Amino acid sequence: MGKGQEERTAIVTGAARRLGAAIAETLHRRGLNVLIHCRGSVRDAEERVAALNNERPGSAALAVADLGDDEAPGRIVSAALEAFGRVDVLVNNASGFYPTPLDRAGPADWDALVDSNQRGPFWLSLAAARAMADRPGRGTDHDRSGAIVNLVDIHGMVPLAGHAIYSQAKAGLIMQTRALAKDLAPRVRVNAVAPGSILWPEGEDSPTAEVAAQRLERVPLGRQGTPDDIAGAVAFLALDAPYVTGQVLAVDGGRTLSM
């Protein structure tokens, strides 16, 4: 691995636990410095940062911010610059997810889900893109472009029953991915990963064996996905795909083939 790769820095939002943690760890193993962002899971995030720094001293830092705050994007990017001096990769992973049945959904649900899934990523992407443009040693090499990877959802393409607001929000993030890919080129590539069935939502009971089996019947590859499946796809788009931008990669075991 070259020195330039070792010096690269990634920001991963919502990286204290679950998918975000797997993504941060994968990018760290690839030699990047990692800024872990969280909102409420501060203790988990601090433990994650400590573990990564134990593996490679000075390679991880923490930013605590609510992405609904207008000042959050600037603070997060500034934290990365203060810790590591540059920003090369942004992974917009933080996301709100919960059902909004039409007879109970209200404006507060719209604000919460659209803010976390569209508004926050948009302004953070613009702040990160400005920092990427000022990176030291970025040169003109095609493989040295900055990279943004958004975590969308297969239900941003095919709606999930009872989740109309969430599905719309993720659909908007898919369009945001494509729009920013066009407007930020050629200095920054923007792509997205659309997970299928990976982790059961927090706060909900795990599915019964019968329900789990019914789900797998609709997955051609016949197994539940893992956080590492998602993290590997993110790393590919961020680091190994210099001629790919504006794309949405479904990591769903083929589930979209039968939706």
Protein backbone atom coordinates (compact mmCIF):
# COMPACT_ATOMS: atom_id res chain seq x y z
CA MET A 1 0.00 0.00 0.00
CA GLY A 2 1.37 3.39 -1.01
CA LYS A 3 1.95 6.25 1.33
CA GLY A 4 -0.83 8.30 -0.28
CA GLN A 5 -3.42 5.63 0.55
CA GLU A 6 -2.17 5.41 4.14
CA GLU A 7 -2.75 9.12 4.59
CA ARG A 8 -6.30 9.14 3.27
CA THR A 9 -9.18 9.98 5.61
CA ALA A 10 -12.78 8.80 5.68
CA ILE A 11 -15.76 10.26 7.53
CA VAL A 12 -18.42 7.68 8.38
CA THR A 13 -21.69 8.93 9.85
CA GLY A 14 -23.63 6.82 12.32
CA ALA A 15 -20.55 4.67 12.83
CA ALA A 16 -20.83 3.78 16.51
CA ARG A 17 -22.61 0.48 15.87
CA ARG A 18 -24.14 -1.86 13.31
CA LEU A 19 -23.51 -1.14 9.61
CA GLY A 20 -21.64 2.09 10.24
CA ALA A 21 -19.21 0.39 12.58
CA ALA A 22 -18.52 -2.37 10.05
CA ILE A 23 -17.89 0.22 7.34
CA ALA A 24 -15.53 2.24 9.54
CA GLU A 25 -13.59 -0.89 10.51
CA THR A 26 -13.29 -2.04 6.89
CA LEU A 27 -11.97 1.33 5.69
CA HIS A 28 -9.58 1.40 8.65
CA ARG A 29 -8.25 -2.04 7.68
CA ARG A 30 -7.65 -0.64 4.20
CA GLY A 31 -5.27 1.87 5.77
CA LEU A 32 -7.46 4.96 5.99
CA ASN A 33 -7.77 7.24 8.97
CA VAL A 34 -11.39 7.29 10.13
CA LEU A 35 -13.54 9.97 11.70
CA ILE A 36 -16.42 8.23 13.44
CA HIS A 37 -19.57 10.31 13.73
CA CYS A 38 -22.41 9.61 16.13
CA ARG A 39 -25.33 11.46 17.65
CA GLY A 40 -26.40 9.61 20.80
CA SER A 41 -24.29 6.43 20.99
CA VAL A 42 -21.28 8.27 22.40
CA ARG A 43 -19.99 5.48 24.63
CA ASP A 44 -20.08 2.93 21.80
CA ALA A 45 -18.38 5.42 19.48
CA GLU A 46 -15.65 6.17 22.03
CA GLU A 47 -14.99 2.45 22.44
CA ARG A 48 -14.81 2.05 18.66
CA VAL A 49 -12.33 4.92 18.34
CA ALA A 50 -10.21 3.52 21.18
CA ALA A 51 -10.12 0.07 19.56
CA LEU A 52 -9.04 1.46 16.19
CA ASN A 53 -6.38 3.65 17.77
CA ASN A 54 -5.11 0.62 19.68
CA GLU A 55 -4.58 -1.08 16.32
CA ARG A 56 -2.97 1.97 14.73
CA PRO A 57 -2.25 4.95 16.99
CA GLY A 58 -3.68 8.28 15.86
CA SER A 59 -5.83 6.75 13.12
CA ALA A 60 -9.33 7.36 14.51
CA ALA A 61 -11.22 10.30 15.95
CA LEU A 62 -14.77 11.11 17.06
CA ALA A 63 -17.32 13.78 16.12
CA VAL A 64 -20.62 14.03 17.99
CA ALA A 65 -23.33 15.98 16.16
CA ASP A 66 -27.02 15.94 15.30
CA LEU A 67 -27.25 16.00 11.50
CA GLY A 68 -30.47 17.96 11.83
CA ASP A 69 -28.42 20.88 13.13
CA ASP A 70 -27.47 23.35 10.42
CA GLU A 71 -23.99 23.69 11.93
CA ALA A 72 -23.31 19.94 12.06
CA PRO A 73 -21.80 19.46 8.56
CA GLY A 74 -19.18 22.15 9.14
CA ARG A 75 -18.33 20.79 12.58
CA ILE A 76 -17.95 17.23 11.34
CA VAL A 77 -15.69 18.18 8.43
CA SER A 78 -13.68 20.52 10.66
CA ALA A 79 -13.15 17.68 13.15
CA ALA A 80 -11.72 15.50 10.37
CA LEU A 81 -9.44 18.27 9.16
CA GLU A 82 -8.25 19.02 12.67
CA ALA A 83 -7.51 15.37 13.39
CA PHE A 84 -6.06 14.29 10.04
CA GLY A 85 -5.59 17.34 7.81
CA ARG A 86 -7.70 16.11 4.90
CA VAL A 87 -10.95 14.46 3.78
CA ASP A 88 -10.94 11.89 0.98
CA VAL A 89 -14.03 9.75 1.57
CA LEU A 90 -17.46 10.44 3.03
CA VAL A 91 -19.89 7.65 3.84
CA ASN A 92 -23.41 8.91 4.57
CA ASN A 93 -24.63 5.99 6.64
CA ALA A 94 -26.64 7.62 9.46
CA SER A 95 -30.36 7.14 8.84
CA GLY A 96 -33.72 7.25 10.53
CA PHE A 97 -35.99 4.25 9.96
CA TYR A 98 -39.41 3.46 11.39
CA PRO A 99 -42.90 2.73 10.04
CA THR A 100 -45.32 5.54 9.19
CA PRO A 101 -48.77 4.03 8.61
CA LEU A 102 -50.80 6.55 6.66
CA ASP A 103 -53.48 6.85 9.34
CA ARG A 104 -50.90 7.83 11.96
CA ALA A 105 -48.12 9.63 10.06
CA GLY A 106 -47.61 13.30 10.81
CA PRO A 107 -45.39 16.25 9.84
CA ALA A 108 -42.91 15.41 12.60
CA ASP A 109 -42.32 12.00 10.98
CA TRP A 110 -41.72 13.68 7.64
CA ASP A 111 -39.20 16.07 9.18
CA ALA A 112 -37.37 13.31 11.06
CA LEU A 113 -37.09 10.86 8.18
CA VAL A 114 -36.38 13.33 5.40
CA ASP A 115 -33.88 15.25 7.52
CA SER A 116 -31.85 12.15 8.38
CA ASN A 117 -32.05 10.49 4.97
CA GLN A 118 -31.80 13.47 2.60
CA ARG A 119 -31.15 16.83 4.18
CA GLY A 120 -28.26 15.79 6.41
CA PRO A 121 -26.39 13.86 3.70
CA PHE A 122 -26.83 16.69 1.20
CA TRP A 123 -25.26 19.46 3.27
CA LEU A 124 -22.57 17.18 4.67
CA SER A 125 -21.68 16.07 1.13
CA LEU A 126 -21.24 19.67 0.04
CA ALA A 127 -19.07 20.47 3.06
CA ALA A 128 -16.97 17.35 2.50
CA ALA A 129 -16.63 18.05 -1.24
CA ARG A 130 -15.15 21.47 -0.48
CA ALA A 131 -12.59 19.84 1.80
CA MET A 132 -11.82 17.19 -0.81
CA ALA A 133 -11.07 19.91 -3.35
CA ASP A 134 -8.42 21.32 -1.01
CA ARG A 135 -6.71 18.02 -0.20
CA PRO A 136 -2.91 18.03 -0.18
CA GLY A 137 -1.37 16.01 -2.98
CA ARG A 138 -4.65 15.36 -4.77
CA GLY A 139 -2.96 16.04 -8.10
CA THR A 140 -4.71 15.11 -11.33
CA ASP A 141 -4.61 11.30 -11.12
CA HIS A 142 -7.97 9.76 -11.95
CA ASP A 143 -7.79 7.41 -8.96
CA ARG A 144 -7.23 10.31 -6.57
CA SER A 145 -10.70 11.80 -6.85
CA GLY A 146 -12.65 12.22 -3.66
CA ALA A 147 -15.47 9.76 -3.05
CA ILE A 148 -18.90 9.96 -1.45
CA VAL A 149 -20.90 6.79 -0.81
CA ASN A 150 -24.51 7.06 0.32
CA LEU A 151 -26.34 4.22 2.08
CA VAL A 152 -29.71 4.09 0.38
CA ASP A 153 -32.11 1.12 0.39
CA ILE A 154 -33.74 -1.26 -2.07
CA HIS A 155 -36.98 0.25 -0.76
CA GLY A 156 -35.94 3.55 -2.24
CA MET A 157 -36.58 1.79 -5.55
CA VAL A 158 -39.55 -0.39 -4.57
CA PRO A 159 -41.59 0.97 -1.62
CA LEU A 160 -41.93 -0.89 1.66
CA ALA A 161 -45.51 -1.21 2.89
CA GLY A 162 -46.23 0.98 5.88
CA HIS A 163 -43.07 3.04 5.32
CA ALA A 164 -44.19 5.61 2.75
CA ILE A 165 -42.15 8.50 4.16
CA TYR A 166 -38.96 6.44 4.62
CA SER A 167 -39.27 4.99 1.10
CA GLN A 168 -39.68 8.48 -0.36
CA ALA A 169 -36.72 9.76 1.63
CA LYS A 170 -34.45 7.00 0.36
CA ALA A 171 -35.71 7.53 -3.19
CA GLY A 172 -34.71 11.17 -2.80
CA LEU A 173 -31.25 10.12 -1.63
CA ILE A 174 -30.88 8.00 -4.75
CA MET A 175 -31.63 11.04 -6.89
CA GLN A 176 -29.31 13.12 -4.72
CA THR A 177 -26.56 10.59 -5.43
CA ARG A 178 -27.02 10.96 -9.18
CA ALA A 179 -27.40 14.73 -9.11
CA LEU A 180 -24.25 15.27 -7.04
CA ALA A 181 -22.34 12.78 -9.17
CA LYS A 182 -23.01 15.05 -12.13
CA ASP A 183 -22.44 18.37 -10.36
CA LEU A 184 -19.31 17.38 -8.37
CA ALA A 185 -17.52 15.61 -11.23
CA PRO A 186 -14.69 15.20 -11.96
CA ARG A 187 -13.20 16.04 -8.56
CA VAL A 188 -15.59 13.88 -6.52
CA ARG A 189 -17.26 10.60 -7.38
CA VAL A 190 -20.67 9.94 -5.79
CA ASN A 191 -22.24 6.48 -5.59
CA ALA A 192 -24.64 4.58 -3.38
CA VAL A 193 -25.07 1.14 -1.84
CA ALA A 194 -28.63 -0.17 -1.47
CA PRO A 195 -28.75 -2.89 1.19
CA GLY A 196 -31.38 -5.59 1.19
CA SER A 197 -32.20 -7.64 4.27
CA ILE A 198 -29.11 -7.25 6.46
CA LEU A 199 -29.95 -6.43 10.08
CA TRP A 200 -33.36 -6.47 11.77
CA PRO A 201 -34.36 -2.92 12.76
CA GLU A 202 -33.37 -1.88 16.26
CA GLY A 203 -36.21 -1.83 18.76
CA GLU A 204 -38.20 -4.50 16.94
CA ASP A 205 -38.42 -8.16 17.85
CA SER A 206 -36.38 -10.50 15.69
CA PRO A 207 -38.45 -12.42 13.13
CA THR A 208 -39.68 -15.90 13.89
CA ALA A 209 -38.04 -18.79 12.10
CA GLU A 210 -41.08 -19.01 9.83
CA VAL A 211 -40.94 -15.32 8.89
CA ALA A 212 -37.15 -15.52 8.36
CA ALA A 213 -37.61 -18.53 6.08
CA GLN A 214 -40.28 -16.71 4.07
CA ARG A 215 -37.90 -13.80 3.59
CA LEU A 216 -35.08 -16.03 2.39
CA GLU A 217 -37.40 -17.67 -0.14
CA ARG A 218 -37.41 -14.32 -1.96
CA VAL A 219 -33.59 -14.01 -1.91
CA PRO A 220 -31.98 -15.88 -4.84
CA LEU A 221 -28.67 -16.31 -2.99
CA GLY A 222 -30.54 -17.98 -0.15
CA ARG A 223 -28.98 -16.28 2.84
CA GLN A 224 -29.26 -13.23 5.02
CA GLY A 225 -26.78 -10.50 4.19
CA THR A 226 -24.15 -9.36 6.70
CA PRO A 227 -22.70 -5.97 7.63
CA ASP A 228 -19.45 -7.08 6.04
CA ASP A 229 -21.25 -7.55 2.72
CA ILE A 230 -22.26 -3.89 2.86
CA ALA A 231 -18.90 -2.67 4.12
CA GLY A 232 -17.11 -4.46 1.28
CA ALA A 233 -19.34 -2.81 -1.30
CA VAL A 234 -18.77 0.61 0.26
CA ALA A 235 -15.01 0.09 0.22
CA PHE A 236 -15.14 -0.97 -3.43
CA LEU A 237 -17.02 2.16 -4.50
CA ALA A 238 -14.91 4.45 -2.31
CA LEU A 239 -11.47 3.04 -3.10
CA ASP A 240 -11.45 0.60 -6.01
CA ALA A 241 -13.76 2.07 -8.65
CA PRO A 242 -12.09 5.19 -10.05
CA TYR A 243 -14.25 5.17 -13.21
CA VAL A 244 -17.59 4.64 -11.45
CA THR A 245 -19.87 7.49 -10.43
CA GLY A 246 -23.62 8.09 -10.19
CA GLN A 247 -24.36 4.40 -9.60
CA VAL A 248 -26.52 2.53 -7.09
CA LEU A 249 -25.21 -0.91 -6.18
CA ALA A 250 -27.89 -3.19 -4.70
CA VAL A 251 -26.35 -5.56 -2.16
CA ASP A 252 -29.41 -7.69 -1.56
CA GLY A 253 -28.63 -11.26 -2.60
CA GLY A 254 -30.76 -10.68 -5.69
CA ARG A 255 -33.89 -9.70 -3.75
CA THR A 256 -34.77 -6.92 -6.22
CA LEU A 257 -35.16 -9.52 -8.96
CA SER A 258 -38.48 -10.60 -7.45
CA MET A 259 -39.83 -7.41 -5.88
